C-alpha atoms as a PDB file:
ATOM      1  CA  MET A   1     127.706 145.772 131.426  1.00  0.00           C
ATOM      2  CA  GLU A   2     126.441 142.217 131.316  1.00  0.00           C
ATOM      3  CA  THR A   3     129.159 139.681 130.805  1.00  0.00           C
ATOM      4  CA  ALA A   4     129.078 136.861 128.248  1.00  0.00           C
ATOM      5  CA  ARG A   5     129.075 134.349 131.109  1.00  0.00           C
ATOM      6  CA  GLY A   6     125.876 135.779 132.495  1.00  0.00           C
ATOM      7  CA  ARG A   7     124.111 135.631 129.158  1.00  0.00           C
ATOM      8  CA  ALA A   8     125.107 131.997 128.695  1.00  0.00           C
ATOM      9  CA  GLN A   9     123.752 131.078 132.154  1.00  0.00           C
ATOM     10  CA  ARG A  10     120.340 132.635 131.429  1.00  0.00           C
ATOM     11  CA  ARG A  11     120.175 130.794 128.050  1.00  0.00           C
ATOM     12  CA  HIS A  12     120.885 127.485 129.767  1.00  0.00           C
ATOM     13  CA  VAL A  13     118.091 128.158 132.285  1.00  0.00           C
ATOM     14  CA  ARG A  14     115.562 128.808 129.487  1.00  0.00           C
ATOM     15  CA  GLU A  15     116.549 125.660 127.584  1.00  0.00           C
ATOM     16  CA  LYS A  16     116.264 123.506 130.730  1.00  0.00           C
ATOM     17  CA  ALA A  17     112.793 124.874 131.419  1.00  0.00           C
ATOM     18  CA  THR A  18     111.673 123.993 127.890  1.00  0.00           C
ATOM     19  CA  ILE A  19     113.016 120.450 128.164  1.00  0.00           C
ATOM     20  CA  ASP A  20     111.322 119.937 131.547  1.00  0.00           C
ATOM     21  CA  HIS A  21     108.009 121.046 130.045  1.00  0.00           C
ATOM     22  CA  LEU A  22     108.254 118.587 127.128  1.00  0.00           C
ATOM     23  CA  VAL A  23     109.143 115.707 129.438  1.00  0.00           C
ATOM     24  CA  ARG A  24     106.267 116.481 131.781  1.00  0.00           C
ATOM     25  CA  ASP A  25     103.476 117.097 129.188  1.00  0.00           C
ATOM     26  CA  VAL A  26     104.452 114.818 126.292  1.00  0.00           C
ATOM     27  CA  TYR A  27     106.586 111.908 127.369  1.00  0.00           C
ATOM     28  CA  GLU A  28     105.404 111.214 130.900  1.00  0.00           C
ATOM     29  CA  PRO A  29     102.603 108.570 130.933  1.00  0.00           C
ATOM     30  CA  LYS A  30      99.169 109.887 131.816  1.00  0.00           C
ATOM     31  CA  THR A  31      96.805 108.380 134.314  1.00  0.00           C
ATOM     32  CA  PRO A  32      93.592 106.611 133.158  1.00  0.00           C
ATOM     33  CA  ASP A  33      91.501 109.559 134.373  1.00  0.00           C
ATOM     34  CA  GLU A  34      93.515 111.977 132.256  1.00  0.00           C
ATOM     35  CA  LYS A  35      93.069 109.763 129.169  1.00  0.00           C
ATOM     36  CA  GLN A  36      89.302 109.626 129.617  1.00  0.00           C
ATOM     37  CA  THR A  37      89.083 113.387 129.843  1.00  0.00           C
ATOM     38  CA  GLU A  38      90.734 113.804 126.392  1.00  0.00           C
ATOM     39  CA  ARG A  39      88.256 114.772 123.674  1.00  0.00           C
ATOM     40  CA  ARG A  40      88.876 113.864 120.058  1.00  0.00           C
ATOM     41  CA  PRO A  41      87.510 116.108 117.272  1.00  0.00           C
ATOM     42  CA  THR A  42      84.109 114.963 116.004  1.00  0.00           C
ATOM     43  CA  THR A  43      82.156 115.379 112.738  1.00  0.00           C
ATOM     44  CA  SER A  44      78.559 116.506 112.139  1.00  0.00           C
ATOM     45  CA  THR A  45      77.415 112.889 112.651  1.00  0.00           C
ATOM     46  CA  GLY A  46      78.761 112.875 116.186  1.00  0.00           C
ATOM     47  CA  LEU A  47      81.488 110.349 115.345  1.00  0.00           C
ATOM     48  CA  PRO A  48      85.150 111.088 115.833  1.00  0.00           C
ATOM     49  CA  VAL A  49      86.916 112.069 112.654  1.00  0.00           C
ATOM     50  CA  GLU A  50      88.863 108.779 112.502  1.00  0.00           C
ATOM     51  CA  ASP A  51      85.693 106.680 112.870  1.00  0.00           C
ATOM     52  CA  GLN A  52      83.788 108.720 110.246  1.00  0.00           C
ATOM     53  CA  VAL A  53      86.592 108.352 107.722  1.00  0.00           C
ATOM     54  CA  ARG A  54      86.781 104.610 108.361  1.00  0.00           C
ATOM     55  CA  LYS A  55      83.000 104.249 107.871  1.00  0.00           C
ATOM     56  CA  GLU A  56      82.957 106.157 104.553  1.00  0.00           C
ATOM     57  CA  TRP A  57      85.955 104.184 103.261  1.00  0.00           C
ATOM     58  CA  LYS A  58      84.189 100.855 103.896  1.00  0.00           C
ATOM     59  CA  ALA A  59      81.067 102.101 102.106  1.00  0.00           C
ATOM     60  CA  ALA A  60      83.087 103.181  99.072  1.00  0.00           C
ATOM     61  CA  LEU A  61      84.769  99.782  98.837  1.00  0.00           C
ATOM     62  CA  ALA A  62      81.376  98.046  98.939  1.00  0.00           C
ATOM     63  CA  ARG A  63      80.229  99.993  95.856  1.00  0.00           C
ATOM     64  CA  ILE A  64      83.150  98.815  93.648  1.00  0.00           C
ATOM     65  CA  PRO A  65      82.115  95.819  91.397  1.00  0.00           C
ATOM     66  CA  ARG A  66      84.128  92.710  92.136  1.00  0.00           C
ATOM     67  CA  PHE A  67      84.879  91.617  88.566  1.00  0.00           C
ATOM     68  CA  PHE A  68      87.241  88.847  89.527  1.00  0.00           C
ATOM     69  CA  GLY A  69      85.049  87.191  92.146  1.00  0.00           C
ATOM     70  CA  ASP A  70      81.492  87.778  90.918  1.00  0.00           C
ATOM     71  CA  LYS A  71      80.517  85.796  87.829  1.00  0.00           C
ATOM     72  CA  ARG A  72      77.322  87.802  87.493  1.00  0.00           C
ATOM     73  CA  GLN A  73      79.329  90.995  87.008  1.00  0.00           C
ATOM     74  CA  ILE A  74      81.570  89.409  84.356  1.00  0.00           C
ATOM     75  CA  THR A  75      78.580  87.976  82.486  1.00  0.00           C
ATOM     76  CA  SER A  76      76.863  91.322  82.371  1.00  0.00           C
ATOM     77  CA  VAL A  77      79.946  92.894  80.815  1.00  0.00           C
ATOM     78  CA  THR A  78      80.302  90.233  78.110  1.00  0.00           C
ATOM     79  CA  GLU A  79      76.623  90.525  77.201  1.00  0.00           C
ATOM     80  CA  LEU A  80      76.958  94.168  76.169  1.00  0.00           C
ATOM     81  CA  PRO A  81      75.847  94.639  72.516  1.00  0.00           C
ATOM     82  CA  MET A  82      78.686  94.788  69.985  1.00  0.00           C
ATOM     83  CA  PRO A  83      78.905  97.976  67.893  1.00  0.00           C
ATOM     84  CA  ALA A  84      77.743  97.612  64.303  1.00  0.00           C
ATOM     85  CA  MET A  85      80.625  97.177  61.841  1.00  0.00           C
ATOM     86  CA  PRO A  86      80.592  99.551  58.848  1.00  0.00           C
ATOM     87  CA  SER A  87      79.991  97.849  55.538  1.00  0.00           C
ATOM     88  CA  PRO A  88      83.085  97.778  53.252  1.00  0.00           C
ATOM     89  CA  PRO A  89      83.133 100.256  50.369  1.00  0.00           C
ATOM     90  CA  ARG A  90      82.155  98.933  46.980  1.00  0.00           C
ATOM     91  CA  LEU A  91      85.280  98.365  44.892  1.00  0.00           C
ATOM     92  CA  ARG A  92      85.394  98.065  41.139  1.00  0.00           C
ATOM     93  CA  LYS A  93      87.923  95.345  40.382  1.00  0.00           C
ATOM     94  CA  ARG A  94      88.946  92.858  37.716  1.00  0.00           C
ATOM     95  CA  PRO A  95      91.595  90.138  37.526  1.00  0.00           C
ATOM     96  CA  PHE A  96      94.990  91.301  36.335  1.00  0.00           C
ATOM     97  CA  GLU A  97      95.104  88.450  33.816  1.00  0.00           C
ATOM     98  CA  ALA A  98      92.128  89.951  31.975  1.00  0.00           C
ATOM     99  CA  THR A  99      93.933  93.288  31.620  1.00  0.00           C
ATOM    100  CA  ALA A 100      97.088  91.577  30.354  1.00  0.00           C
ATOM    101  CA  ALA A 101      95.093  89.592  27.787  1.00  0.00           C
ATOM    102  CA  ALA A 102      93.396  92.735  26.498  1.00  0.00           C
ATOM    103  CA  SER A 103      96.761  94.474  26.139  1.00  0.00           C
ATOM    104  CA  ALA A 104      98.238  91.507  24.277  1.00  0.00           C
ATOM    105  CA  ALA A 105      95.304  91.566  21.858  1.00  0.00           C
ATOM    106  CA  ASP A 106      96.110  95.210  21.036  1.00  0.00           C
ATOM    107  CA  GLU A 107      99.836  94.632  20.571  1.00  0.00           C
ATOM    108  CA  THR A 108     101.290  95.677  17.253  1.00  0.00           C
ATOM    109  CA  ASP A 109     103.237  93.041  15.319  1.00  0.00           C
ATOM    110  CA  ILE A 110     106.287  95.164  14.549  1.00  0.00           C
ATOM    111  CA  THR A 111     108.086  92.475  12.547  1.00  0.00           C
ATOM    112  CA  GLY A 112     105.016  91.989  10.339  1.00  0.00           C
ATOM    113  CA  CYS A 113     104.208  95.630   9.581  1.00  0.00           C
ATOM    114  CA  ALA A 114     107.525  97.503   9.623  1.00  0.00           C
ATOM    115  CA  ALA A 115     111.182  97.501   8.623  1.00  0.00           C
ATOM    116  CA  ILE A 116     113.908  98.249  11.168  1.00  0.00           C
ATOM    117  CA  ALA A 117     116.832 100.566  10.451  1.00  0.00           C
ATOM    118  CA  TYR A 118     119.726 100.634  12.926  1.00  0.00           C
ATOM    119  CA  THR A 119     123.196 102.084  13.262  1.00  0.00           C
ATOM    120  CA  SER A 120     124.912  99.097  14.935  1.00  0.00           C
ATOM    121  CA  GLU A 121     124.304  95.632  16.347  1.00  0.00           C
ATOM    122  CA  ASP A 122     126.493  93.055  18.042  1.00  0.00           C
ATOM    123  CA  PRO A 123     126.293  89.782  16.034  1.00  0.00           C
ATOM    124  CA  ALA A 124     125.676  87.962  19.318  1.00  0.00           C
ATOM    125  CA  HIS A 125     122.872  90.394  20.229  1.00  0.00           C
ATOM    126  CA  PRO A 126     121.053  91.391  16.996  1.00  0.00           C
ATOM    127  CA  VAL A 127     118.013  93.669  16.685  1.00  0.00           C
ATOM    128  CA  GLU A 128     115.779  90.590  16.392  1.00  0.00           C
ATOM    129  CA  HIS A 129     116.332  89.870  20.099  1.00  0.00           C
ATOM    130  CA  MET A 130     114.656  93.158  20.983  1.00  0.00           C
ATOM    131  CA  LEU A 131     111.460  92.054  19.150  1.00  0.00           C
ATOM    132  CA  ASP A 132     111.341  88.319  19.929  1.00  0.00           C
ATOM    133  CA  GLY A 133     108.712  88.666  22.678  1.00  0.00           C
ATOM    134  CA  CYS A 134     111.092  87.575  25.442  1.00  0.00           C
ATOM    135  CA  CYS A 135     111.257  89.911  28.407  1.00  0.00           C
ATOM    136  CA  GLY A 136     112.474  90.191  31.976  1.00  0.00           C
ATOM    137  CA  PRO A 137     115.941  90.012  33.520  1.00  0.00           C
ATOM    138  CA  GLY A 138     118.257  87.695  31.627  1.00  0.00           C
ATOM    139  CA  ALA A 139     116.199  87.729  28.407  1.00  0.00           C
ATOM    140  CA  PRO A 140     117.953  88.011  24.988  1.00  0.00           C
ATOM    141  CA  ARG A 141     118.662  91.624  24.039  1.00  0.00           C
ATOM    142  CA  TRP A 142     119.851  93.946  21.316  1.00  0.00           C
ATOM    143  CA  SER A 143     123.249  95.479  21.925  1.00  0.00           C
ATOM    144  CA  SER A 144     125.460  97.814  19.982  1.00  0.00           C
ATOM    145  CA  ALA A 145     128.813  96.635  18.678  1.00  0.00           C
ATOM    146  CA  ARG A 146     130.405  99.972  19.674  1.00  0.00           C
ATOM    147  CA  PRO A 147     130.968 100.963  23.311  1.00  0.00           C
ATOM    148  CA  ASP A 148     130.309 104.532  24.466  1.00  0.00           C
ATOM    149  CA  THR A 149     128.512 105.390  21.213  1.00  0.00           C
ATOM    150  CA  THR A 150     125.044 106.885  20.772  1.00  0.00           C
ATOM    151  CA  GLU A 151     122.939 104.544  18.629  1.00  0.00           C
ATOM    152  CA  HIS A 152     119.712 104.967  16.643  1.00  0.00           C
ATOM    153  CA  ILE A 153     116.902 102.570  15.778  1.00  0.00           C
ATOM    154  CA  VAL A 154     114.101 103.625  13.399  1.00  0.00           C
ATOM    155  CA  ILE A 155     110.888 101.646  12.930  1.00  0.00           C
ATOM    156  CA  GLU A 156     109.563 102.323   9.416  1.00  0.00           C
ATOM    157  CA  PHE A 157     105.905 101.263   9.219  1.00  0.00           C
ATOM    158  CA  ASP A 158     104.485  99.920   5.950  1.00  0.00           C
ATOM    159  CA  ARG A 159     101.385 102.048   6.537  1.00  0.00           C
ATOM    160  CA  PRO A 160     100.502 104.656   9.248  1.00  0.00           C
ATOM    161  CA  GLN A 161      99.833 103.189  12.676  1.00  0.00           C
ATOM    162  CA  THR A 162      97.935 104.214  15.805  1.00  0.00           C
ATOM    163  CA  ILE A 163     100.124 104.002  18.909  1.00  0.00           C
ATOM    164  CA  SER A 164      98.492 104.159  22.352  1.00  0.00           C
ATOM    165  CA  GLY A 165     101.193 102.440  24.372  1.00  0.00           C
ATOM    166  CA  LEU A 166     104.887 101.643  24.373  1.00  0.00           C
ATOM    167  CA  VAL A 167     106.833  99.264  26.610  1.00  0.00           C
ATOM    168  CA  TYR A 168     110.578  98.743  26.613  1.00  0.00           C
ATOM    169  CA  GLU A 169     113.056  97.083  28.948  1.00  0.00           C
ATOM    170  CA  VAL A 170     116.719  97.727  29.673  1.00  0.00           C
ATOM    171  CA  GLU A 171     119.214  95.618  31.612  1.00  0.00           C
ATOM    172  CA  GLU A 172     122.800  96.278  32.650  1.00  0.00           C
ATOM    173  CA  THR A 173     124.533  93.942  35.111  1.00  0.00           C
ATOM    174  CA  THR A 174     128.248  94.607  34.637  1.00  0.00           C
ATOM    175  CA  ARG A 175     128.832  98.385  34.623  1.00  0.00           C
ATOM    176  CA  GLU A 176     127.847 101.453  36.604  1.00  0.00           C
ATOM    177  CA  ARG A 177     126.452 103.931  34.119  1.00  0.00           C
ATOM    178  CA  THR A 178     123.467 106.074  33.122  1.00  0.00           C
ATOM    179  CA  GLN A 179     121.678 105.294  29.856  1.00  0.00           C
ATOM    180  CA  GLU A 180     119.231 107.696  28.232  1.00  0.00           C
ATOM    181  CA  VAL A 181     116.444 106.671  25.836  1.00  0.00           C
ATOM    182  CA  ARG A 182     114.674 109.232  23.633  1.00  0.00           C
ATOM    183  CA  VAL A 183     111.669 108.395  21.455  1.00  0.00           C
ATOM    184  CA  GLU A 184     110.379 110.579  18.587  1.00  0.00           C
ATOM    185  CA  ALA A 185     107.401 110.040  16.292  1.00  0.00           C
ATOM    186  CA  SER A 186     106.847 111.131  12.677  1.00  0.00           C
ATOM    187  CA  GLU A 187     103.519 111.386  10.856  1.00  0.00           C
ATOM    188  CA  ASP A 188     104.870 112.619   7.529  1.00  0.00           C
ATOM    189  CA  GLY A 189     107.014 109.765   6.284  1.00  0.00           C
ATOM    190  CA  GLY A 190     110.078 110.652   8.369  1.00  0.00           C
ATOM    191  CA  GLN A 191     110.363 114.236   7.148  1.00  0.00           C
ATOM    192  CA  SER A 192     109.924 115.647  10.664  1.00  0.00           C
ATOM    193  CA  TYR A 193     109.763 114.236  14.198  1.00  0.00           C
ATOM    194  CA  ARG A 194     108.388 115.312  17.531  1.00  0.00           C
ATOM    195  CA  GLN A 195     109.749 114.032  20.805  1.00  0.00           C
ATOM    196  CA  ILE A 196     107.303 111.966  22.888  1.00  0.00           C
ATOM    197  CA  LEU A 197     109.555 110.448  25.564  1.00  0.00           C
ATOM    198  CA  VAL A 198     112.875 111.020  27.339  1.00  0.00           C
ATOM    199  CA  GLN A 199     114.002 108.714  30.127  1.00  0.00           C
ATOM    200  CA  GLU A 200     117.339 107.969  31.737  1.00  0.00           C
ATOM    201  CA  TYR A 201     118.285 105.115  34.050  1.00  0.00           C
ATOM    202  CA  ASN A 202     121.110 104.686  36.551  1.00  0.00           C
ATOM    203  CA  PHE A 203     122.563 101.181  36.614  1.00  0.00           C
ATOM    204  CA  SER A 204     124.925  99.653  39.157  1.00  0.00           C
ATOM    205  CA  PRO A 205     125.971  95.996  39.594  1.00  0.00           C
ATOM    206  CA  GLY A 206     125.379  96.350  43.326  1.00  0.00           C
ATOM    207  CA  GLY A 207     122.064  98.187  42.934  1.00  0.00           C
ATOM    208  CA  ALA A 208     119.577  98.636  40.074  1.00  0.00           C
ATOM    209  CA  THR A 209     120.327  96.407  37.077  1.00  0.00           C
ATOM    210  CA  TYR A 210     116.948  96.169  35.322  1.00  0.00           C
ATOM    211  CA  GLN A 211     114.327  98.715  34.255  1.00  0.00           C
ATOM    212  CA  ARG A 212     110.906  98.330  32.622  1.00  0.00           C
ATOM    213  CA  GLU A 213     109.212 101.427  31.223  1.00  0.00           C
ATOM    214  CA  GLU A 214     105.558 101.640  30.186  1.00  0.00           C
ATOM    215  CA  GLN A 215     104.119 104.774  28.571  1.00  0.00           C
ATOM    216  CA  ARG A 216     100.697 105.743  27.238  1.00  0.00           C
ATOM    217  CA  PHE A 217     100.156 107.922  24.163  1.00  0.00           C
ATOM    218  CA  ASN A 218      97.431 109.076  21.815  1.00  0.00           C
ATOM    219  CA  LEU A 219      99.245 109.015  18.474  1.00  0.00           C
ATOM    220  CA  ARG A 220      97.535 108.716  15.087  1.00  0.00           C
ATOM    221  CA  GLN A 221      98.974 108.077  11.621  1.00  0.00           C
ATOM    222  CA  VAL A 222     102.520 107.342  12.837  1.00  0.00           C
ATOM    223  CA  THR A 223     104.786 106.478   9.919  1.00  0.00           C
ATOM    224  CA  HIS A 224     108.152 106.323  11.723  1.00  0.00           C
ATOM    225  CA  LEU A 225     109.295 105.815  15.301  1.00  0.00           C
ATOM    226  CA  HIS A 226     112.854 106.918  16.097  1.00  0.00           C
ATOM    227  CA  LEU A 227     114.703 105.662  19.212  1.00  0.00           C
ATOM    228  CA  THR A 228     117.964 107.302  20.319  1.00  0.00           C
ATOM    229  CA  ILE A 229     119.995 105.417  22.930  1.00  0.00           C
ATOM    230  CA  VAL A 230     122.796 107.244  24.768  1.00  0.00           C
ATOM    231  CA  PRO A 231     124.678 104.572  26.776  1.00  0.00           C
ATOM    232  CA  ASN A 232     127.124 106.788  28.627  1.00  0.00           C
ATOM    233  CA  LYS A 233     125.189 109.800  29.921  1.00  0.00           C
ATOM    234  CA  SER A 234     127.470 109.092  32.869  1.00  0.00           C
ATOM    235  CA  GLY A 235     129.998 106.296  33.202  1.00  0.00           C
ATOM    236  CA  SER A 236     130.929 103.992  30.341  1.00  0.00           C
ATOM    237  CA  GLY A 237     129.059 101.231  28.526  1.00  0.00           C
ATOM    238  CA  THR A 238     127.265  99.962  25.430  1.00  0.00           C
ATOM    239  CA  ALA A 239     123.773 100.870  24.211  1.00  0.00           C
ATOM    240  CA  THR A 240     121.282  98.049  24.739  1.00  0.00           C
ATOM    241  CA  LEU A 241     117.541  97.278  24.838  1.00  0.00           C
ATOM    242  CA  THR A 242     116.062  94.008  26.043  1.00  0.00           C
ATOM    243  CA  ALA A 243     112.521  94.381  24.643  1.00  0.00           C
ATOM    244  CA  LEU A 244     110.363  96.789  22.672  1.00  0.00           C
ATOM    245  CA  ARG A 245     106.581  96.469  22.360  1.00  0.00           C
ATOM    246  CA  LEU A 246     103.968  98.767  20.784  1.00  0.00           C
ATOM    247  CA  PHE A 247     100.191  98.817  21.290  1.00  0.00           C
ATOM    248  CA  ALA A 248      97.489 100.239  19.024  1.00  0.00           C
END
């Protein structure tokens, strides 16, 4: 049986032979004659691969435009025709002031053609403030004299009216609450009503404190307009309206 020592000796002999071969054929310097006899791979043009690659690389570089050093190249780029811009669409428009003036001309003079019935008013904030033409935040307003109470305002026209638009404003700056406004119209002298609008608004001193509502209708022969104001749909407060305007 072969011993482990013998196997190790044969392995060392093989490794030494491999090392001697690498030193002789790779690392030992070759004579000039041996170098001249080496043949490098060539291409179909007869040039060595390295020389052919170098030649094609130089040719490719020569074909790239030199934008930064050739003024002729830069000029030719800037002289390219600009694409045609599409013409803007035709827009039908009119100044906002003209629309506002037309609406004001159609406004109904409530104080001159109707009586106002109401369930409550604060002496400091009477119903007249709601119809004085003042509007916007901070304007005079109507306010109930009773907190947390649903209030009613009825506009009783002297003769039937056409109503095509209604605008009203509400402001609340001190309490967090939800106020609901319902509007009903009668065409038979107040005998019956039909509801035409229901809106509710959430007010908060740190958030929304003012609301303007504009509605369009097609009402004919209206004899009475009934507004119901619920101040405390949520929270607590007093019914109020800053402005009320009607348009024929």
